[in-house]
PDB file of all heavy atoms in Angstrom:
ATOM      1  N   TRP A   1     -18.594   9.025  -5.676  1.00  0.00           N
ATOM      2  CA  TRP A   1     -17.885   8.059  -4.835  1.00  0.00           C
ATOM      3  C   TRP A   1     -18.369   8.145  -3.389  1.00  0.00           C
ATOM      4  O   TRP A   1     -18.567   7.114  -2.728  1.00  0.00           O
ATOM      5  CB  TRP A   1     -16.377   8.311  -4.887  1.00  0.00           C
ATOM      6  CG  TRP A   1     -15.631   7.350  -4.001  1.00  0.00           C
ATOM      7  CD1 TRP A   1     -15.236   6.082  -4.303  1.00  0.00           C
ATOM      8  CD2 TRP A   1     -15.242   7.591  -2.642  1.00  0.00           C
ATOM      9  NE1 TRP A   1     -14.620   5.505  -3.215  1.00  0.00           N
ATOM     10  CE2 TRP A   1     -14.610   6.409  -2.179  1.00  0.00           C
ATOM     11  CE3 TRP A   1     -15.367   8.675  -1.773  1.00  0.00           C
ATOM     12  CZ2 TRP A   1     -14.105   6.289  -0.891  1.00  0.00           C
ATOM     13  CZ3 TRP A   1     -14.861   8.555  -0.488  1.00  0.00           C
ATOM     14  CH2 TRP A   1     -14.238   7.376  -0.063  1.00  0.00           C
ATOM     15  N   LEU A   2     -18.569   9.372  -2.903  1.00  0.00           N
ATOM     16  CA  LEU A   2     -19.054   9.555  -1.535  1.00  0.00           C
ATOM     17  C   LEU A   2     -20.440   8.935  -1.363  1.00  0.00           C
ATOM     18  O   LEU A   2     -20.720   8.276  -0.350  1.00  0.00           O
ATOM     19  CB  LEU A   2     -19.091  11.047  -1.198  1.00  0.00           C
ATOM     20  CG  LEU A   2     -19.467  11.423   0.240  1.00  0.00           C
ATOM     21  CD1 LEU A   2     -18.450  10.842   1.222  1.00  0.00           C
ATOM     22  CD2 LEU A   2     -19.554  12.942   0.381  1.00  0.00           C
ATOM     23  N   MET A   3     -21.309   9.111  -2.369  1.00  0.00           N
ATOM     24  CA  MET A   3     -22.652   8.528  -2.320  1.00  0.00           C
ATOM     25  C   MET A   3     -22.587   7.006  -2.243  1.00  0.00           C
ATOM     26  O   MET A   3     -23.254   6.375  -1.419  1.00  0.00           O
ATOM     27  CB  MET A   3     -23.445   8.939  -3.563  1.00  0.00           C
ATOM     28  CG  MET A   3     -23.917  10.358  -3.595  1.00  0.00           C
ATOM     29  SD  MET A   3     -24.960  10.594  -5.064  1.00  0.00           S
ATOM     30  CE  MET A   3     -25.348  12.334  -4.928  1.00  0.00           C
ATOM     31  N   VAL A   4     -21.786   6.414  -3.122  1.00  0.00           N
ATOM     32  CA  VAL A   4     -21.671   4.952  -3.174  1.00  0.00           C
ATOM     33  C   VAL A   4     -21.055   4.424  -1.887  1.00  0.00           C
ATOM     34  O   VAL A   4     -21.504   3.410  -1.335  1.00  0.00           O
ATOM     35  CB  VAL A   4     -20.837   4.525  -4.401  1.00  0.00           C
ATOM     36  CG1 VAL A   4     -20.500   3.031  -4.327  1.00  0.00           C
ATOM     37  CG2 VAL A   4     -21.588   4.826  -5.685  1.00  0.00           C
ATOM     38  N   ALA A   5     -20.002   5.097  -1.394  1.00  0.00           N
ATOM     39  CA  ALA A   5     -19.333   4.655  -0.175  1.00  0.00           C
ATOM     40  C   ALA A   5     -20.299   4.608   1.000  1.00  0.00           C
ATOM     41  O   ALA A   5     -20.260   3.686   1.835  1.00  0.00           O
ATOM     42  CB  ALA A   5     -18.164   5.585   0.148  1.00  0.00           C
ATOM     43  N   SER A   6     -21.201   5.589   1.078  1.00  0.00           N
ATOM     44  CA  SER A   6     -22.153   5.633   2.179  1.00  0.00           C
ATOM     45  C   SER A   6     -23.306   4.658   1.974  1.00  0.00           C
ATOM     46  O   SER A   6     -23.712   3.952   2.907  1.00  0.00           O
ATOM     47  CB  SER A   6     -22.701   7.049   2.334  1.00  0.00           C
ATOM     48  OG  SER A   6     -23.665   7.101   3.367  1.00  0.00           O
ATOM     49  N   ALA A   7     -23.834   4.591   0.743  1.00  0.00           N
ATOM     50  CA  ALA A   7     -25.032   3.790   0.486  1.00  0.00           C
ATOM     51  C   ALA A   7     -24.769   2.289   0.451  1.00  0.00           C
ATOM     52  O   ALA A   7     -25.698   1.491   0.595  1.00  0.00           O
ATOM     53  CB  ALA A   7     -25.665   4.230  -0.834  1.00  0.00           C
ATOM     54  N   SER A   8     -23.515   1.887   0.270  1.00  0.00           N
ATOM     55  CA  SER A   8     -23.213   0.462   0.038  1.00  0.00           C
ATOM     56  C   SER A   8     -22.685  -0.266   1.266  1.00  0.00           C
ATOM     57  O   SER A   8     -22.399  -1.472   1.189  1.00  0.00           O
ATOM     58  CB  SER A   8     -22.186   0.338  -1.093  1.00  0.00           C
ATOM     59  OG  SER A   8     -20.952   0.928  -0.731  1.00  0.00           O
ATOM     60  N   THR A   9     -22.545   0.404   2.410  1.00  0.00           N
ATOM     61  CA  THR A   9     -21.894  -0.228   3.567  1.00  0.00           C
ATOM     62  C   THR A   9     -22.642  -1.472   4.045  1.00  0.00           C
ATOM     63  O   THR A   9     -22.031  -2.508   4.333  1.00  0.00           O
ATOM     64  CB  THR A   9     -21.764   0.767   4.730  1.00  0.00           C
ATOM     65  OG1 THR A   9     -23.054   1.343   5.005  1.00  0.00           O
ATOM     66  CG2 THR A   9     -20.788   1.885   4.379  1.00  0.00           C
ATOM     67  N   GLY A  10     -23.955  -1.385   4.111  1.00  0.00           N
ATOM     68  CA  GLY A  10     -24.742  -2.509   4.617  1.00  0.00           C
ATOM     69  C   GLY A  10     -24.644  -3.735   3.734  1.00  0.00           C
ATOM     70  O   GLY A  10     -24.331  -4.841   4.205  1.00  0.00           O
ATOM     71  N   ILE A  11     -24.902  -3.552   2.445  1.00  0.00           N
ATOM     72  CA  ILE A  11     -24.881  -4.693   1.526  1.00  0.00           C
ATOM     73  C   ILE A  11     -23.472  -5.233   1.357  1.00  0.00           C
ATOM     74  O   ILE A  11     -23.257  -6.444   1.193  1.00  0.00           O
ATOM     75  CB  ILE A  11     -25.506  -4.297   0.167  1.00  0.00           C
ATOM     76  CG1 ILE A  11     -25.715  -5.541  -0.693  1.00  0.00           C
ATOM     77  CG2 ILE A  11     -24.658  -3.268  -0.569  1.00  0.00           C
ATOM     78  CD1 ILE A  11     -26.520  -5.269  -1.954  1.00  0.00           C
ATOM     79  N   ALA A  12     -22.468  -4.345   1.412  1.00  0.00           N
ATOM     80  CA  ALA A  12     -21.080  -4.783   1.274  1.00  0.00           C
ATOM     81  C   ALA A  12     -20.664  -5.656   2.456  1.00  0.00           C
ATOM     82  O   ALA A  12     -20.028  -6.700   2.285  1.00  0.00           O
ATOM     83  CB  ALA A  12     -20.151  -3.576   1.157  1.00  0.00           C
ATOM     84  N   GLU A  13     -21.030  -5.250   3.661  1.00  0.00           N
ATOM     85  CA  GLU A  13     -20.672  -6.030   4.844  1.00  0.00           C
ATOM     86  C   GLU A  13     -21.397  -7.369   4.853  1.00  0.00           C
ATOM     87  O   GLU A  13     -20.833  -8.397   5.249  1.00  0.00           O
ATOM     88  CB  GLU A  13     -21.009  -5.240   6.110  1.00  0.00           C
ATOM     89  CG  GLU A  13     -20.559  -5.944   7.380  1.00  0.00           C
ATOM     90  CD  GLU A  13     -20.680  -5.058   8.602  1.00  0.00           C
ATOM     91  OE1 GLU A  13     -21.437  -4.061   8.532  1.00  0.00           O
ATOM     92  OE2 GLU A  13     -20.024  -5.353   9.618  1.00  0.00           O
ATOM     93  N   PHE A  14     -22.645  -7.388   4.385  1.00  0.00           N
ATOM     94  CA  PHE A  14     -23.435  -8.618   4.376  1.00  0.00           C
ATOM     95  C   PHE A  14     -22.837  -9.654   3.427  1.00  0.00           C
ATOM     96  O   PHE A  14     -22.727 -10.836   3.761  1.00  0.00           O
ATOM     97  CB  PHE A  14     -24.876  -8.306   3.985  1.00  0.00           C
ATOM     98  CG  PHE A  14     -25.767  -9.515   3.922  1.00  0.00           C
ATOM     99  CD1 PHE A  14     -26.312 -10.048   5.092  1.00  0.00           C
ATOM    100  CD2 PHE A  14     -26.061 -10.127   2.709  1.00  0.00           C
ATOM    101  CE1 PHE A  14     -27.134 -11.169   5.041  1.00  0.00           C
ATOM    102  CE2 PHE A  14     -26.881 -11.248   2.653  1.00  0.00           C
ATOM    103  CZ  PHE A  14     -27.421 -11.759   3.816  1.00  0.00           C
ATOM    104  N   TYR A  15     -22.439  -9.198   2.224  1.00  0.00           N
ATOM    105  CA  TYR A  15     -21.967 -10.140   1.212  1.00  0.00           C
ATOM    106  C   TYR A  15     -20.464 -10.415   1.271  1.00  0.00           C
ATOM    107  O   TYR A  15     -20.014 -11.486   0.853  1.00  0.00           O
ATOM    108  CB  TYR A  15     -22.328  -9.629  -0.188  1.00  0.00           C
ATOM    109  CG  TYR A  15     -23.782  -9.810  -0.531  1.00  0.00           C
ATOM    110  CD1 TYR A  15     -24.633  -8.710  -0.607  1.00  0.00           C
ATOM    111  CD2 TYR A  15     -24.313 -11.064  -0.754  1.00  0.00           C
ATOM    112  CE1 TYR A  15     -25.982  -8.866  -0.920  1.00  0.00           C
ATOM    113  CE2 TYR A  15     -25.665 -11.240  -1.059  1.00  0.00           C
ATOM    114  CZ  TYR A  15     -26.487 -10.139  -1.140  1.00  0.00           C
ATOM    115  OH  TYR A  15     -27.820 -10.300  -1.443  1.00  0.00           O
ATOM    116  N   THR A  16     -19.679  -9.470   1.760  1.00  0.00           N
ATOM    117  CA  THR A  16     -18.221  -9.645   1.722  1.00  0.00           C
ATOM    118  C   THR A  16     -17.558  -9.562   3.085  1.00  0.00           C
ATOM    119  O   THR A  16     -16.385  -9.931   3.219  1.00  0.00           O
ATOM    120  CB  THR A  16     -17.577  -8.582   0.810  1.00  0.00           C
ATOM    121  OG1 THR A  16     -17.677  -7.289   1.439  1.00  0.00           O
ATOM    122  CG2 THR A  16     -18.249  -8.526  -0.549  1.00  0.00           C
ATOM    123  N   GLY A  17     -18.261  -9.048   4.105  1.00  0.00           N
ATOM    124  CA  GLY A  17     -17.656  -8.846   5.411  1.00  0.00           C
ATOM    125  C   GLY A  17     -16.850  -7.568   5.511  1.00  0.00           C
ATOM    126  O   GLY A  17     -16.322  -7.243   6.579  1.00  0.00           O
ATOM    127  N   ASN A  18     -16.764  -6.820   4.423  1.00  0.00           N
ATOM    128  CA  ASN A  18     -16.012  -5.568   4.395  1.00  0.00           C
ATOM    129  C   ASN A  18     -16.946  -4.431   4.001  1.00  0.00           C
ATOM    130  O   ASN A  18     -17.360  -4.345   2.836  1.00  0.00           O
ATOM    131  CB  ASN A  18     -14.860  -5.672   3.392  1.00  0.00           C
ATOM    132  CG  ASN A  18     -14.046  -4.381   3.302  1.00  0.00           C
ATOM    133  OD1 ASN A  18     -14.225  -3.465   4.105  1.00  0.00           O
ATOM    134  ND2 ASN A  18     -13.155  -4.310   2.322  1.00  0.00           N
ATOM    135  N   PRO A  19     -17.308  -3.542   4.916  1.00  0.00           N
ATOM    136  CA  PRO A  19     -18.242  -2.452   4.594  1.00  0.00           C
ATOM    137  C   PRO A  19     -17.754  -1.537   3.471  1.00  0.00           C
ATOM    138  O   PRO A  19     -18.555  -0.872   2.820  1.00  0.00           O
ATOM    139  CB  PRO A  19     -18.367  -1.680   5.912  1.00  0.00           C
ATOM    140  CG  PRO A  19     -17.920  -2.628   6.960  1.00  0.00           C
ATOM    141  CD  PRO A  19     -16.895  -3.500   6.330  1.00  0.00           C
ATOM    142  N   ALA A  20     -16.430  -1.507   3.259  1.00  0.00           N
ATOM    143  CA  ALA A  20     -15.865  -0.607   2.244  1.00  0.00           C
ATOM    144  C   ALA A  20     -15.649  -1.298   0.901  1.00  0.00           C
ATOM    145  O   ALA A  20     -15.034  -0.706   0.001  1.00  0.00           O
ATOM    146  CB  ALA A  20     -14.538  -0.037   2.748  1.00  0.00           C
ATOM    147  N   HIS A  21     -16.153  -2.516   0.744  1.00  0.00           N
ATOM    148  CA  HIS A  21     -15.878  -3.296  -0.484  1.00  0.00           C
ATOM    149  C   HIS A  21     -16.265  -2.535  -1.748  1.00  0.00           C
ATOM    150  O   HIS A  21     -15.447  -2.346  -2.660  1.00  0.00           O
ATOM    151  CB  HIS A  21     -16.627  -4.628  -0.423  1.00  0.00           C
ATOM    152  CG  HIS A  21     -16.532  -5.425  -1.685  1.00  0.00           C
ATOM    153  ND1 HIS A  21     -15.398  -6.147  -2.027  1.00  0.00           N
ATOM    154  CD2 HIS A  21     -17.416  -5.614  -2.707  1.00  0.00           C
ATOM    155  CE1 HIS A  21     -15.593  -6.741  -3.191  1.00  0.00           C
ATOM    156  NE2 HIS A  21     -16.805  -6.435  -3.621  1.00  0.00           N
ATOM    157  N   PHE A  22     -17.515  -2.071  -1.811  1.00  0.00           N
ATOM    158  CA  PHE A  22     -17.981  -1.391  -3.023  1.00  0.00           C
ATOM    159  C   PHE A  22     -17.355  -0.004  -3.157  1.00  0.00           C
ATOM    160  O   PHE A  22     -17.159   0.483  -4.273  1.00  0.00           O
ATOM    161  CB  PHE A  22     -19.508  -1.294  -3.033  1.00  0.00           C
ATOM    162  CG  PHE A  22     -20.186  -2.618  -3.236  1.00  0.00           C
ATOM    163  CD1 PHE A  22     -20.929  -3.196  -2.224  1.00  0.00           C
ATOM    164  CD2 PHE A  22     -20.069  -3.297  -4.439  1.00  0.00           C
ATOM    165  CE1 PHE A  22     -21.549  -4.425  -2.393  1.00  0.00           C
ATOM    166  CE2 PHE A  22     -20.682  -4.525  -4.631  1.00  0.00           C
ATOM    167  CZ  PHE A  22     -21.422  -5.095  -3.604  1.00  0.00           C
ATOM    168  N   ALA A  23     -17.042   0.629  -2.037  1.00  0.00           N
ATOM    169  CA  ALA A  23     -16.373   1.934  -2.083  1.00  0.00           C
ATOM    170  C   ALA A  23     -14.991   1.797  -2.718  1.00  0.00           C
ATOM    171  O   ALA A  23     -14.576   2.641  -3.528  1.00  0.00           O
ATOM    172  CB  ALA A  23     -16.266   2.528  -0.687  1.00  0.00           C
ATOM    173  N   ILE A  24     -14.270   0.734  -2.351  1.00  0.00           N
ATOM    174  CA  ILE A  24     -12.937   0.501  -2.918  1.00  0.00           C
ATOM    175  C   ILE A  24     -13.032   0.200  -4.407  1.00  0.00           C
ATOM    176  O   ILE A  24     -12.269   0.726  -5.222  1.00  0.00           O
ATOM    177  CB  ILE A  24     -12.238  -0.643  -2.169  1.00  0.00           C
ATOM    178  CG1 ILE A  24     -11.961  -0.227  -0.719  1.00  0.00           C
ATOM    179  CG2 ILE A  24     -10.938  -1.038  -2.871  1.00  0.00           C
ATOM    180  CD1 ILE A  24     -11.482  -1.359   0.171  1.00  0.00           C
ATOM    181  N   ARG A  25     -13.980  -0.653  -4.784  1.00  0.00           N
ATOM    182  CA  ARG A  25     -14.151  -0.991  -6.203  1.00  0.00           C
ATOM    183  C   ARG A  25     -14.546   0.239  -7.017  1.00  0.00           C
ATOM    184  O   ARG A  25     -14.057   0.460  -8.125  1.00  0.00           O
ATOM    185  CB  ARG A  25     -15.211  -2.091  -6.365  1.00  0.00           C
ATOM    186  CG  ARG A  25     -14.738  -3.466  -5.933  1.00  0.00           C
ATOM    187  CD  ARG A  25     -15.853  -4.491  -6.078  1.00  0.00           C
ATOM    188  NE  ARG A  25     -16.265  -4.630  -7.472  1.00  0.00           N
ATOM    189  CZ  ARG A  25     -15.722  -5.488  -8.333  1.00  0.00           C
ATOM    190  NH1 ARG A  25     -14.724  -6.275  -7.945  1.00  0.00           N
ATOM    191  NH2 ARG A  25     -16.174  -5.582  -9.568  1.00  0.00           N
TER     192      ARG A  25
END
């Protein structure tokens, strides 16, 4: 979870506007 939360911030913010989107999912 920590890996995904860190690695997904850029793409999550670009597509959803929320850097934590993929971390929450």
